[in-house]
Structure formats: C-alpha cells, structure tokens
Amino acid sequence: MQLELSQLANAVVDIARQAGAEILKIYETDFDVETKADDSPLTAADRAAHLHIVAALTELTPDIPVWSEESASIDFVERSGWQQFWLVDPLDGTKEFIKRNGEFTVNIALIRGHEPVLGVVHVPVMQRDYFGFAGGGAFIINDDGKPKPIAVSKVAESPVRVVGSRSHLGNSLQAYLDWVGPHVMVPMGSSLKLCLVAAGEADIYPRLGLTSEWDTAAAQAVVEAAGGQVIDLSGQRLLYNTKAEVLNPFFIVLGDSSRDWAAGTGTES
C-alpha cells in the first residue's frame, strides 16, 4: 500500500502543479467573478483547474471516481457505495484569489474507507507543495524541487501559535482564544492553515465555522502524515463521505495532544 500511495502522490503533485499553472494564467488577467447558489464566488480559474484535474485523475486512475467542488452534485445514494474516491477542491480560497493575496491552493485527496490516506496541497503563487500519505510521512517542496520532511510541533509553544482565517473571526473564536491563554495569531487563508500546523509553524488551528469536506481532506492527510490530528469538538477524527450533507463539523487541528484543545469550546470531549 505504501509503495502504491507513494507513486500516486508523485503523480498527483504533478497534476496539482499543472492545475496551478492554469489558475495563474487567469490570475494575471482582469477576470470576472460570479456568485454561486450558496453565495460563494466562482471564477474561470475554478473551472479551468477543475476540468484539468478531473481529466488527469480519470486518466491516472480510471476506476476511481472523482468528486470535485465544481462537479455537478453527486447524490449520496451513488457516492455512499464508493470504497475509494478522489476528493478535490480545484481552487481553495477563491476569496483570497480575488483579493490577489496569493493564499489559495489546489487540494487533491484520496479517500479510502472514509479516511484521507493521501493529500496534496499546491500553492500556485509560491510554487510550493505540501503532500503526505498514510505510512509514508509528510513533505514540503519549495522552488528547489526537493521534498523535505515536515512534522507537527509535538509540544505547543508559549505563547501558543494559533493559525486562523483572514476572513472569519467571530465571537465564538474570540472566546476560545481567551480560553487558550497567551497566544499569537497567524492569519492565513485556505487550506494553508492546516499545512502550517503540519509543518510545525503553528500549534493549533481551531475552526469554529463552516467548511466543506473538499476544503479539508487533502490538508488533513498531510497533517496526519506529519504526526498531527484533525478532530471534531468531541475528539473524533474527521471522516469523509459518511452522510448526505457535505459540511464538516467544527474542528481543531493540532500537533500537541497533551492538552485537551476542545475543552475551551464548551463541548465535552
């Protein structure tokens, strides 16, 4: 299984990079922004990346279905029978893309038995890749093209390094930060927040707001391969394709498991 996942990881890194190149072509233009039914933004870059990734994954693994954020809705009756599938967010952080701050990613995950066993997160503007797979560790590739191992910080620093969204800071998160105690905020967009925890550059990422399964799956695979956890507020690992609803529960990403990070959310764990 490890050899197979390793081979797939290398191929998927290439696919994500190619999708990133398609995104950057549009990023450099005066692109239009549409609004989807859920009021989230959509650009030509989302579509271009989606089309490239679906075609490439279908060629790579013809027998594994692909579920992308930009796919037509796939009924749970159909996908509940999938033993494994690719879960894709072709452009995670469309709001960051529109702001042109560079903090957007391409997310591709392989889900087996509801668990993310392989994940690739590509950062087009930085030409950076994060990837990891079950049993094989997690890695970062910078512009030198060489994979370097990454790992979570098993002992949280003081003050605690908390990574959070540039777009979401509500009362519940503020109350949680008060509970955490001395901390520094590291603002970041998209799935890069999880990757910072995976790379040991942040201690926790509390997400007390809505996300969809394609937002988190790839980066969760990287976090877990780096020795960290992505858990809901009851302490259970985030799983995928277990229900018709595509929204995740609130969750916390962590490296240091010696502290009950969910306790401060007011939920028993």
Protein backbone atom coordinates (compact mmCIF):
# COMPACT_ATOMS: atom_id res chain seq x y z
CA MET A 1 0.00 0.00 0.00
CA GLN A 2 2.83 2.42 0.85
CA LEU A 3 4.54 1.99 -2.50
CA GLU A 4 1.25 2.49 -4.29
CA LEU A 5 0.44 5.66 -2.36
CA SER A 6 3.96 6.97 -2.92
CA GLN A 7 3.62 6.53 -6.67
CA LEU A 8 0.19 8.16 -6.64
CA ALA A 9 1.48 11.06 -4.56
CA ASN A 10 4.18 11.89 -7.10
CA ALA A 11 1.67 11.79 -9.95
CA VAL A 12 -0.87 13.90 -8.09
CA VAL A 13 1.72 16.54 -7.19
CA ASP A 14 2.31 16.94 -10.93
CA ILE A 15 -1.43 17.17 -11.63
CA ALA A 16 -1.90 19.80 -8.92
CA ARG A 17 1.01 21.83 -10.31
CA GLN A 18 -0.49 21.71 -13.80
CA ALA A 19 -3.82 22.91 -12.40
CA GLY A 20 -1.95 25.66 -10.57
CA ALA A 21 -0.44 26.80 -13.87
CA GLU A 22 -3.94 27.05 -15.34
CA ILE A 23 -5.03 29.12 -12.34
CA LEU A 24 -2.09 31.51 -12.66
CA LYS A 25 -2.91 32.18 -16.32
CA ILE A 26 -6.25 33.62 -15.18
CA TYR A 27 -4.86 35.20 -12.00
CA GLU A 28 -2.79 37.51 -14.20
CA THR A 29 -5.83 38.76 -16.14
CA ASP A 30 -8.78 41.02 -15.36
CA PHE A 31 -11.05 38.06 -14.56
CA ASP A 32 -14.79 38.15 -13.85
CA VAL A 33 -16.33 36.90 -10.60
CA GLU A 34 -19.66 35.06 -10.50
CA THR A 35 -21.74 34.10 -7.47
CA LYS A 36 -22.86 30.51 -6.91
CA ALA A 37 -26.16 29.47 -5.38
CA ASP A 38 -24.61 29.39 -1.90
CA ASP A 39 -23.33 32.97 -2.38
CA SER A 40 -19.71 31.80 -2.68
CA PRO A 41 -17.61 33.28 -5.50
CA LEU A 42 -16.68 31.45 -8.70
CA THR A 43 -14.11 32.37 -11.36
CA ALA A 44 -12.86 30.93 -14.62
CA ALA A 45 -9.83 29.71 -12.67
CA ASP A 46 -12.04 27.42 -10.55
CA ARG A 47 -13.46 25.91 -13.73
CA ALA A 48 -10.14 25.58 -15.55
CA ALA A 49 -8.48 23.84 -12.62
CA HIS A 50 -11.50 21.57 -12.14
CA LEU A 51 -11.52 20.44 -15.76
CA HIS A 52 -7.79 19.74 -15.79
CA ILE A 53 -7.78 17.80 -12.51
CA VAL A 54 -10.81 15.65 -13.32
CA ALA A 55 -9.41 14.72 -16.74
CA ALA A 56 -5.94 13.97 -15.35
CA LEU A 57 -7.17 11.90 -12.39
CA THR A 58 -9.55 9.96 -14.63
CA GLU A 59 -6.62 9.11 -16.90
CA LEU A 60 -4.38 8.22 -13.95
CA THR A 61 -6.91 6.01 -12.14
CA PRO A 62 -9.87 5.24 -14.42
CA ASP A 63 -11.57 3.08 -11.79
CA ILE A 64 -11.57 5.68 -9.01
CA PRO A 65 -14.39 8.24 -9.13
CA VAL A 66 -13.69 11.95 -8.70
CA TRP A 67 -15.80 14.26 -6.56
CA SER A 68 -14.90 17.92 -7.03
CA GLU A 69 -16.43 21.05 -5.55
CA GLU A 70 -17.17 22.19 -9.08
CA SER A 71 -18.68 18.86 -10.15
CA ALA A 72 -22.37 18.53 -10.73
CA SER A 73 -23.97 17.41 -7.48
CA ILE A 74 -23.40 13.72 -6.88
CA ASP A 75 -26.18 12.12 -4.89
CA PHE A 76 -25.22 10.39 -1.63
CA VAL A 77 -27.02 7.27 -2.79
CA GLU A 78 -24.37 6.96 -5.51
CA ARG A 79 -21.27 8.04 -3.59
CA SER A 80 -22.16 6.09 -0.44
CA GLY A 81 -21.19 2.98 -2.38
CA TRP A 82 -17.70 4.25 -3.17
CA GLN A 83 -14.92 2.34 -1.43
CA GLN A 84 -12.42 4.99 -2.50
CA PHE A 85 -12.55 8.25 -4.43
CA TRP A 86 -10.68 11.44 -5.18
CA LEU A 87 -11.95 14.48 -3.28
CA VAL A 88 -10.94 17.74 -4.94
CA ASP A 89 -11.11 21.45 -4.34
CA PRO A 90 -9.64 22.82 -7.57
CA LEU A 91 -9.26 26.33 -6.11
CA ASP A 92 -9.49 26.57 -2.33
CA GLY A 93 -9.54 30.17 -1.18
CA THR A 94 -11.35 31.80 -4.08
CA LYS A 95 -11.83 34.89 -1.89
CA GLU A 96 -8.04 35.05 -1.43
CA PHE A 97 -7.64 34.59 -5.20
CA ILE A 98 -9.96 37.53 -5.83
CA LYS A 99 -8.04 39.64 -3.27
CA ARG A 100 -4.82 38.62 -5.07
CA ASN A 101 -3.00 37.88 -1.82
CA GLY A 102 -1.62 34.54 -3.03
CA GLU A 103 -3.12 32.47 -0.20
CA PHE A 104 -5.07 30.00 -2.30
CA THR A 105 -4.41 26.35 -3.04
CA VAL A 106 -5.20 23.32 -5.15
CA ASN A 107 -6.40 20.44 -2.94
CA ILE A 108 -6.48 16.79 -4.04
CA ALA A 109 -7.15 13.94 -1.59
CA LEU A 110 -7.61 10.21 -1.92
CA ILE A 111 -10.29 8.89 0.42
CA ARG A 112 -10.40 5.21 1.34
CA GLY A 113 -12.99 3.87 3.73
CA HIS A 114 -13.97 7.44 4.75
CA GLU A 115 -10.35 8.29 5.66
CA PRO A 116 -7.98 10.65 3.82
CA VAL A 117 -4.98 8.45 3.04
CA LEU A 118 -3.20 10.75 0.62
CA GLY A 119 -3.25 14.51 0.22
CA VAL A 120 -1.60 17.11 -2.00
CA VAL A 121 -1.89 20.85 -1.40
CA HIS A 122 -0.30 23.00 -4.08
CA VAL A 123 0.25 26.74 -3.60
CA PRO A 124 0.45 28.22 -7.13
CA VAL A 125 1.81 31.69 -6.31
CA MET A 126 4.53 30.27 -4.04
CA GLN A 127 5.26 27.28 -6.30
CA ARG A 128 5.11 25.19 -3.14
CA ASP A 129 3.70 21.73 -2.50
CA TYR A 130 2.67 20.03 0.71
CA PHE A 131 1.93 16.32 0.45
CA GLY A 132 1.64 13.29 2.66
CA PHE A 133 0.25 9.79 2.71
CA ALA A 134 -0.55 7.12 5.25
CA GLY A 135 2.57 5.33 6.40
CA GLY A 136 4.87 7.48 4.31
CA GLY A 137 5.26 10.78 6.12
CA ALA A 138 4.64 14.36 5.05
CA PHE A 139 6.77 16.64 2.91
CA ILE A 140 7.14 20.15 1.57
CA ILE A 141 8.58 21.01 -1.84
CA ASN A 142 9.78 24.57 -2.34
CA ASP A 143 11.15 26.11 -5.53
CA ASP A 144 14.29 23.96 -5.36
CA GLY A 145 12.13 20.98 -6.26
CA LYS A 146 13.40 18.75 -3.45
CA PRO A 147 10.95 17.15 -0.99
CA LYS A 148 11.83 17.86 2.64
CA PRO A 149 10.14 16.02 5.53
CA ILE A 150 7.86 18.05 7.78
CA ALA A 151 6.37 17.27 11.18
CA VAL A 152 3.99 18.89 13.62
CA SER A 153 5.25 20.50 16.81
CA LYS A 154 4.52 17.91 19.49
CA VAL A 155 4.92 20.48 22.28
CA ALA A 156 2.95 23.69 21.84
CA GLU A 157 4.99 26.85 22.20
CA SER A 158 4.24 29.59 24.70
CA PRO A 159 2.61 31.79 23.62
CA VAL A 160 0.56 29.30 21.59
CA ARG A 161 0.78 29.90 17.86
CA VAL A 162 -2.82 29.92 16.60
CA VAL A 163 -3.44 30.00 12.88
CA GLY A 164 -6.75 31.44 11.74
CA SER A 165 -8.66 32.64 8.73
CA ARG A 166 -8.26 36.14 7.37
CA SER A 167 -11.99 36.06 6.58
CA HIS A 168 -13.55 34.61 9.76
CA LEU A 169 -13.19 35.92 13.32
CA GLY A 170 -16.40 35.61 15.33
CA ASN A 171 -17.35 35.82 18.99
CA SER A 172 -17.01 32.06 19.50
CA LEU A 173 -13.42 32.08 18.24
CA GLN A 174 -12.56 35.07 20.38
CA ALA A 175 -13.95 33.31 23.46
CA TYR A 176 -11.90 30.23 22.56
CA LEU A 177 -8.72 32.30 22.21
CA ASP A 178 -9.38 33.80 25.65
CA TRP A 179 -9.51 30.23 27.00
CA VAL A 180 -6.28 29.25 25.21
CA GLY A 181 -4.44 31.98 27.07
CA PRO A 182 -1.26 33.66 25.87
CA HIS A 183 -1.12 33.24 22.12
CA VAL A 184 -0.08 34.82 18.86
CA MET A 185 -2.38 34.82 15.85
CA VAL A 186 -1.02 33.74 12.49
CA PRO A 187 -3.52 34.90 9.85
CA MET A 188 -3.71 32.71 6.75
CA GLY A 189 -6.18 31.77 4.03
CA SER A 190 -7.39 28.47 2.55
CA SER A 191 -6.05 25.03 3.49
CA LEU A 192 -2.67 26.62 4.16
CA LYS A 193 -3.85 26.95 7.76
CA LEU A 194 -3.74 23.19 8.23
CA CYS A 195 -0.43 22.98 6.39
CA LEU A 196 1.18 25.43 8.82
CA VAL A 197 0.30 23.07 11.67
CA ALA A 198 1.62 20.12 9.65
CA ALA A 199 4.92 21.92 9.11
CA GLY A 200 5.30 22.84 12.80
CA GLU A 201 4.89 26.56 12.04
CA ALA A 202 1.69 26.81 14.12
CA ASP A 203 0.41 24.84 17.10
CA ILE A 204 -3.34 24.78 16.57
CA TYR A 205 -5.97 25.77 14.07
CA PRO A 206 -9.45 25.97 15.64
CA ARG A 207 -12.19 26.12 13.02
CA LEU A 208 -15.41 27.11 14.75
CA GLY A 209 -17.20 27.80 11.50
CA LEU A 210 -18.50 26.00 8.45
CA THR A 211 -16.30 24.22 5.92
CA SER A 212 -17.00 21.57 3.31
CA GLU A 213 -15.31 18.21 3.01
CA TRP A 214 -13.27 19.20 -0.05
CA ASP A 215 -11.84 22.15 1.92
CA THR A 216 -10.06 19.94 4.44
CA ALA A 217 -9.44 16.41 3.14
CA ALA A 218 -6.11 16.92 1.35
CA ALA A 219 -4.58 19.01 4.11
CA GLN A 220 -5.87 16.61 6.77
CA ALA A 221 -3.95 13.81 5.07
CA VAL A 222 -0.83 15.99 5.24
CA VAL A 223 -1.40 16.86 8.92
CA GLU A 224 -1.92 13.24 9.90
CA ALA A 225 1.10 12.05 7.91
CA ALA A 226 3.09 14.75 9.75
CA GLY A 227 2.02 13.30 13.12
CA GLY A 228 -0.88 15.63 13.90
CA GLN A 229 -4.62 15.31 14.32
CA VAL A 230 -7.77 16.85 12.86
CA ILE A 231 -10.59 16.25 15.33
CA ASP A 232 -14.13 17.43 15.87
CA LEU A 233 -15.15 19.05 19.15
CA SER A 234 -15.89 15.65 20.70
CA GLY A 235 -12.36 14.49 19.95
CA GLN A 236 -13.25 12.27 16.99
CA ARG A 237 -11.21 12.20 13.78
CA LEU A 238 -12.79 14.00 10.84
CA LEU A 239 -14.18 11.46 8.36
CA TYR A 240 -15.50 11.82 4.82
CA ASN A 241 -18.49 10.77 2.74
CA THR A 242 -20.38 9.41 5.74
CA LYS A 243 -23.55 11.46 5.21
CA ALA A 244 -25.54 13.30 2.56
CA GLU A 245 -24.50 16.67 4.00
CA VAL A 246 -21.14 17.88 2.69
CA LEU A 247 -20.42 20.24 5.60
CA ASN A 248 -17.81 19.34 8.20
CA PRO A 249 -18.42 19.66 11.91
CA PHE A 250 -16.41 22.34 13.71
CA PHE A 251 -12.89 21.02 14.24
CA ILE A 252 -9.43 21.62 15.68
CA VAL A 253 -6.10 20.86 14.02
CA LEU A 254 -3.29 20.14 16.47
CA GLY A 255 0.18 18.75 16.93
CA ASP A 256 0.42 18.71 20.73
CA SER A 257 -2.03 16.09 22.01
CA SER A 258 -1.10 16.54 25.69
CA ARG A 259 -3.71 19.28 26.11
CA ASP A 260 -7.45 18.91 25.53
CA TRP A 261 -7.78 21.69 22.97
CA ALA A 262 -11.51 21.03 22.55
CA ALA A 263 -12.26 21.78 26.19
CA GLY A 264 -12.25 25.52 25.55
CA THR A 265 -15.08 25.24 23.04
CA GLY A 266 -17.58 24.37 25.75
CA THR A 267 -18.05 20.88 24.29
CA GLU A 268 -17.25 17.80 26.34
CA SER A 269 -14.58 15.66 24.69
